[in-house]
């Protein structure tokens, strides 16, 4: 068996490889791919194979998937380019005759109206039409989307957003990676759809309260009109187009688009998902 992990130089990909190794998948059965294989040297030292892959280079994708039994297609980060990039991987997987392609999609992809979901929805459609056996890992929000911004939140004394009282089923990257690894090593996964999210959904008011408790500094949640929030993000250095997408995502949270109640994540990883309080305390302690 050969399991190819795309985007292995990214944070989720690294966690997936660690999770596979923890599950005693032979290191030489794992192929870690990325544009800069030098960044994979620590895995290579442990016996993992590395292959250069650029989503925009079909030849490199085809070469990296040679001999693949299963493929984890981690969605690309180049918003606006991802559909064609993902198509390249799917077509290479079909040509190679892979037994299973797992794709990291977005929660509630079949019903959400979030702009962020558009490319995921298109990718799911390509998969369904491709004939490649696939499984969908529909991930909700990463808690790290918030905790990685903790220094700035503490400096500002407030958490801003446009989510109202909407709840988001956040979980850690490590949680989602463990779920992906569980699916990749399991049998009979083709055709399955997993809606993945944390056990206890939270509002941004509740997130602000956890930050306050962990930091000892009073942090309030400021709910802004979506245009004002997008402007705030742009002023903080976020590219305008992506700021619009992030602000729109908060509107989606307000509608419940990232709320997941299936329990799929907990079932796959065999333990409770990382609690918000634990994640915030850990991030605060690291500052």
Protein backbone atom coordinates (compact mmCIF):
# COMPACT_ATOMS: atom_id res chain seq x y z
CA UNK A 1 0.00 0.00 0.00
CA UNK A 2 1.17 3.51 -0.83
CA UNK A 3 -0.55 6.55 0.70
CA UNK A 4 0.21 9.88 -0.95
CA UNK A 5 -0.34 13.03 1.09
CA UNK A 6 -0.57 16.21 -0.96
CA UNK A 7 0.42 19.52 0.59
CA UNK A 8 2.51 17.69 3.19
CA UNK A 9 4.63 20.76 3.87
CA UNK A 10 1.57 22.51 5.29
CA UNK A 11 0.41 22.29 8.88
CA UNK A 12 -2.47 19.86 8.32
CA UNK A 13 -0.39 17.60 6.09
CA UNK A 14 2.36 17.33 8.68
CA UNK A 15 -0.18 16.35 11.32
CA UNK A 16 -1.63 13.68 9.02
CA UNK A 17 1.77 12.08 8.47
CA UNK A 18 2.39 12.03 12.21
CA UNK A 19 -1.01 10.46 12.74
CA UNK A 20 -0.32 7.75 10.15
CA UNK A 21 3.00 6.94 11.79
CA UNK A 22 1.26 6.76 15.18
CA UNK A 23 -1.10 4.21 13.64
CA UNK A 24 1.94 2.11 12.70
CA UNK A 25 1.64 2.67 8.97
CA UNK A 26 5.09 1.75 7.63
CA UNK A 27 7.02 4.94 6.93
CA UNK A 28 8.04 3.78 3.48
CA UNK A 29 4.35 3.35 2.58
CA UNK A 30 3.78 7.09 3.06
CA UNK A 31 4.63 9.55 0.28
CA UNK A 32 4.82 13.14 1.47
CA UNK A 33 4.52 15.66 -1.34
CA UNK A 34 5.08 19.39 -1.64
CA UNK A 35 6.70 22.04 -3.77
CA UNK A 36 9.77 22.16 -1.49
CA UNK A 37 10.73 18.65 -0.49
CA UNK A 38 13.58 20.11 1.56
CA UNK A 39 10.89 21.03 4.08
CA UNK A 40 10.10 17.32 4.43
CA UNK A 41 13.60 16.30 5.48
CA UNK A 42 12.53 15.46 9.03
CA UNK A 43 10.04 12.92 7.70
CA UNK A 44 12.52 11.54 5.18
CA UNK A 45 14.94 10.93 8.06
CA UNK A 46 12.24 8.73 9.61
CA UNK A 47 11.78 6.67 6.43
CA UNK A 48 8.90 8.54 4.79
CA UNK A 49 9.27 8.95 1.04
CA UNK A 50 9.14 12.47 -0.41
CA UNK A 51 8.11 13.62 -3.87
CA UNK A 52 8.06 17.07 -5.43
CA UNK A 53 4.54 18.14 -6.38
CA UNK A 54 3.18 21.45 -7.58
CA UNK A 55 -0.58 21.57 -8.14
CA UNK A 56 0.08 23.81 -11.14
CA UNK A 57 2.45 21.29 -12.75
CA UNK A 58 0.48 18.30 -14.03
CA UNK A 59 3.63 16.32 -14.80
CA UNK A 60 4.86 16.62 -11.22
CA UNK A 61 1.46 15.58 -9.91
CA UNK A 62 1.35 12.52 -12.16
CA UNK A 63 4.87 11.53 -11.14
CA UNK A 64 4.15 11.94 -7.42
CA UNK A 65 1.07 9.71 -7.68
CA UNK A 66 2.89 6.85 -9.43
CA UNK A 67 2.08 3.63 -7.60
CA UNK A 68 -0.37 5.31 -5.24
CA UNK A 69 -3.01 3.14 -3.60
CA UNK A 70 -4.68 5.96 -1.70
CA UNK A 71 -4.40 9.74 -1.94
CA UNK A 72 -5.25 12.47 0.52
CA UNK A 73 -5.99 15.62 -1.45
CA UNK A 74 -5.58 18.47 0.99
CA UNK A 75 -7.32 21.46 -0.52
CA UNK A 76 -4.94 24.08 -1.86
CA UNK A 77 -4.48 27.52 -0.32
CA UNK A 78 -4.55 29.57 -3.54
CA UNK A 79 -8.13 30.83 -3.40
CA UNK A 80 -9.44 31.32 -6.92
CA UNK A 81 -7.10 28.72 -8.41
CA UNK A 82 -8.03 25.67 -6.41
CA UNK A 83 -10.63 24.10 -8.67
CA UNK A 84 -8.21 23.53 -11.54
CA UNK A 85 -5.44 22.53 -9.16
CA UNK A 86 -7.68 19.93 -7.57
CA UNK A 87 -8.84 18.74 -10.99
CA UNK A 88 -5.21 18.07 -11.90
CA UNK A 89 -4.79 15.80 -8.87
CA UNK A 90 -8.10 14.03 -9.47
CA UNK A 91 -7.26 13.34 -13.11
CA UNK A 92 -3.83 12.00 -12.14
CA UNK A 93 -5.46 9.77 -9.51
CA UNK A 94 -7.88 8.43 -12.11
CA UNK A 95 -5.08 7.74 -14.56
CA UNK A 96 -3.16 5.89 -11.86
CA UNK A 97 -6.20 3.84 -10.84
CA UNK A 98 -6.05 4.71 -7.15
CA UNK A 99 -8.31 2.78 -4.83
CA UNK A 100 -9.39 5.83 -2.85
CA UNK A 101 -9.03 9.61 -2.92
CA UNK A 102 -9.91 11.45 0.29
CA UNK A 103 -10.62 15.16 -0.07
CA UNK A 104 -10.61 17.79 2.68
CA UNK A 105 -13.76 19.72 1.89
CA UNK A 106 -15.81 22.09 4.06
CA UNK A 107 -18.59 21.38 6.53
CA UNK A 108 -22.10 21.21 5.12
CA UNK A 109 -20.79 21.68 1.59
CA UNK A 110 -24.09 20.64 0.06
CA UNK A 111 -26.09 23.38 1.81
CA UNK A 112 -23.75 26.25 2.76
CA UNK A 113 -23.87 29.55 0.91
CA UNK A 114 -20.45 30.75 2.05
CA UNK A 115 -18.12 32.12 -0.61
CA UNK A 116 -15.33 30.04 0.92
CA UNK A 117 -17.24 26.88 0.03
CA UNK A 118 -17.57 27.58 -3.70
CA UNK A 119 -14.33 25.90 -4.74
CA UNK A 120 -14.96 22.98 -2.39
CA UNK A 121 -18.39 22.46 -3.94
CA UNK A 122 -16.89 22.55 -7.42
CA UNK A 123 -14.22 20.03 -6.41
CA UNK A 124 -16.84 17.69 -4.97
CA UNK A 125 -18.71 17.86 -8.28
CA UNK A 126 -15.54 17.01 -10.21
CA UNK A 127 -14.95 14.03 -7.93
CA UNK A 128 -18.49 12.75 -8.40
CA UNK A 129 -18.12 12.94 -12.17
CA UNK A 130 -14.58 11.52 -12.29
CA UNK A 131 -15.23 7.88 -11.54
CA UNK A 132 -12.47 7.93 -8.91
CA UNK A 133 -13.48 6.19 -5.66
CA UNK A 134 -13.58 9.00 -3.11
CA UNK A 135 -14.44 9.92 0.46
CA UNK A 136 -15.25 13.45 1.62
CA UNK A 137 -13.77 14.85 4.83
CA UNK A 138 -15.90 17.93 5.35
CA UNK A 139 -13.98 19.88 7.96
CA UNK A 140 -15.48 22.69 9.99
CA UNK A 141 -13.30 25.57 11.25
CA UNK A 142 -9.85 25.11 12.75
CA UNK A 143 -9.60 26.44 16.29
CA UNK A 144 -6.15 27.66 15.22
CA UNK A 145 -7.89 30.16 12.95
CA UNK A 146 -8.57 31.97 16.21
CA UNK A 147 -5.72 30.96 18.50
CA UNK A 148 -3.06 31.83 15.91
CA UNK A 149 -4.40 35.40 16.07
CA UNK A 150 -4.27 35.52 19.87
CA UNK A 151 -1.36 37.97 20.19
CA UNK A 152 -3.20 40.49 18.04
CA UNK A 153 -6.48 39.91 19.86
CA UNK A 154 -4.79 40.53 23.21
CA UNK A 155 -3.06 43.64 21.91
CA UNK A 156 -6.36 45.05 20.65
CA UNK A 157 -8.25 44.07 23.78
CA UNK A 158 -11.10 42.74 21.68
CA UNK A 159 -12.16 39.99 19.31
CA UNK A 160 -13.90 41.29 16.20
CA UNK A 161 -16.19 39.48 13.80
CA UNK A 162 -19.57 39.38 12.10
CA UNK A 163 -20.89 36.04 13.33
CA UNK A 164 -23.50 37.34 15.76
CA UNK A 165 -24.61 34.56 18.09
CA UNK A 166 -23.86 31.83 15.57
CA UNK A 167 -22.03 28.75 16.73
CA UNK A 168 -19.04 27.13 15.07
CA UNK A 169 -17.92 23.54 15.62
CA UNK A 170 -14.21 24.25 15.81
CA UNK A 171 -11.61 21.53 16.32
CA UNK A 172 -7.83 21.44 16.16
CA UNK A 173 -5.76 20.65 13.08
CA UNK A 174 -4.45 17.60 14.92
CA UNK A 175 -8.03 16.38 15.43
CA UNK A 176 -8.88 16.69 11.74
CA UNK A 177 -5.56 15.05 10.83
CA UNK A 178 -6.27 12.10 13.10
CA UNK A 179 -9.65 11.69 11.40
CA UNK A 180 -8.04 11.74 7.97
CA UNK A 181 -5.52 9.12 9.04
CA UNK A 182 -8.28 6.91 10.44
CA UNK A 183 -10.12 7.03 7.12
CA UNK A 184 -6.98 6.38 5.08
CA UNK A 185 -6.14 3.19 6.98
CA UNK A 186 -9.73 1.90 7.10
CA UNK A 187 -11.40 -0.33 4.54
CA UNK A 188 -14.58 0.32 2.56
CA UNK A 189 -14.49 4.12 2.69
CA UNK A 190 -15.43 4.94 -0.91
CA UNK A 191 -18.67 6.92 -1.13
CA UNK A 192 -18.69 8.00 2.50
CA UNK A 193 -19.14 11.60 3.61
CA UNK A 194 -17.94 12.69 7.02
CA UNK A 195 -19.15 15.97 8.53
CA UNK A 196 -16.36 16.81 10.94
CA UNK A 197 -16.37 19.30 13.80
CA UNK A 198 -15.72 19.70 17.49
CA UNK A 199 -17.98 18.19 20.14
CA UNK A 200 -18.99 21.52 21.68
CA UNK A 201 -19.80 24.35 19.31
CA UNK A 202 -19.09 27.86 20.54
CA UNK A 203 -20.03 31.44 19.79
CA UNK A 204 -17.45 34.18 19.42
CA UNK A 205 -18.73 35.63 22.71
CA UNK A 206 -17.80 32.32 24.33
CA UNK A 207 -14.43 32.36 22.58
CA UNK A 208 -13.76 35.85 23.96
CA UNK A 209 -14.66 34.61 27.44
CA UNK A 210 -12.21 31.72 27.13
CA UNK A 211 -9.46 34.10 25.98
CA UNK A 212 -10.20 36.33 28.97
CA UNK A 213 -10.00 33.39 31.37
CA UNK A 214 -6.77 32.06 29.87
CA UNK A 215 -4.98 35.40 29.59
CA UNK A 216 -6.25 37.20 32.66
CA UNK A 217 -7.11 40.14 30.39
CA UNK A 218 -10.67 41.21 29.72
CA UNK A 219 -11.48 40.55 26.08
CA UNK A 220 -14.85 41.39 24.58
CA UNK A 221 -16.39 40.25 21.33
CA UNK A 222 -17.31 43.13 19.03
CA UNK A 223 -19.85 42.12 16.45
CA UNK A 224 -19.48 44.35 13.40
CA UNK A 225 -21.44 44.84 10.19
CA UNK A 226 -19.84 42.63 7.57
CA UNK A 227 -18.46 45.54 5.54
CA UNK A 228 -16.79 47.05 8.59
CA UNK A 229 -15.27 43.71 9.53
CA UNK A 230 -13.91 43.24 6.01
CA UNK A 231 -12.39 46.74 6.19
CA UNK A 232 -10.84 45.91 9.55
CA UNK A 233 -9.23 42.79 8.10
CA UNK A 234 -7.95 44.70 5.09
CA UNK A 235 -6.49 47.35 7.39
CA UNK A 236 -4.69 44.57 9.26
CA UNK A 237 -2.97 43.47 6.05
CA UNK A 238 -5.33 40.79 4.77
CA UNK A 239 -5.67 40.99 0.97
CA UNK A 240 -9.00 42.60 0.11
CA UNK A 241 -10.46 39.64 -1.78
CA UNK A 242 -9.63 37.23 1.03
CA UNK A 243 -10.88 39.71 3.65
CA UNK A 244 -14.25 39.66 1.89
CA UNK A 245 -14.29 35.87 1.99
CA UNK A 246 -13.41 35.76 5.70
CA UNK A 247 -16.08 38.31 6.56
CA UNK A 248 -18.61 36.35 4.52
CA UNK A 249 -17.57 33.21 6.40
CA UNK A 250 -18.55 34.91 9.65
CA UNK A 251 -21.99 35.52 8.17
CA UNK A 252 -22.08 31.81 7.42
CA UNK A 253 -21.20 31.03 11.02
CA UNK A 254 -24.09 33.26 12.04
CA UNK A 255 -26.40 31.10 9.89
CA UNK A 256 -24.99 27.87 11.33
CA UNK A 257 -23.10 26.87 8.19
CA UNK A 258 -20.10 25.61 10.21
CA UNK A 259 -22.19 23.90 12.88
CA UNK A 260 -21.71 20.12 12.90
CA UNK A 261 -23.69 17.75 15.10
CA UNK A 262 -22.90 14.33 13.60
CA UNK A 263 -20.25 13.27 16.09
CA UNK A 264 -18.23 11.92 13.14
CA UNK A 265 -14.96 13.46 14.32
CA UNK A 266 -15.19 11.96 17.77
CA UNK A 267 -16.09 8.55 16.34
CA UNK A 268 -13.18 8.51 13.90
CA UNK A 269 -10.49 9.60 16.35
CA UNK A 270 -11.83 7.53 19.25
CA UNK A 271 -11.74 10.37 21.77
CA UNK A 272 -13.32 13.76 22.40
CA UNK A 273 -12.17 16.53 20.09
CA UNK A 274 -9.86 19.16 21.56
CA UNK A 275 -11.90 21.46 23.80
CA UNK A 276 -11.91 25.20 23.10
CA UNK A 277 -10.72 25.94 26.63
CA UNK A 278 -7.75 23.59 26.26
CA UNK A 279 -6.74 25.06 22.90
CA UNK A 280 -6.97 28.66 24.14
CA UNK A 281 -5.06 27.95 27.34
CA UNK A 282 -2.29 26.25 25.38
CA UNK A 283 -2.05 29.13 22.92
CA UNK A 284 -2.04 31.74 25.69
CA UNK A 285 0.70 29.89 27.58
CA UNK A 286 2.87 29.85 24.44
CA UNK A 287 2.86 33.63 24.03
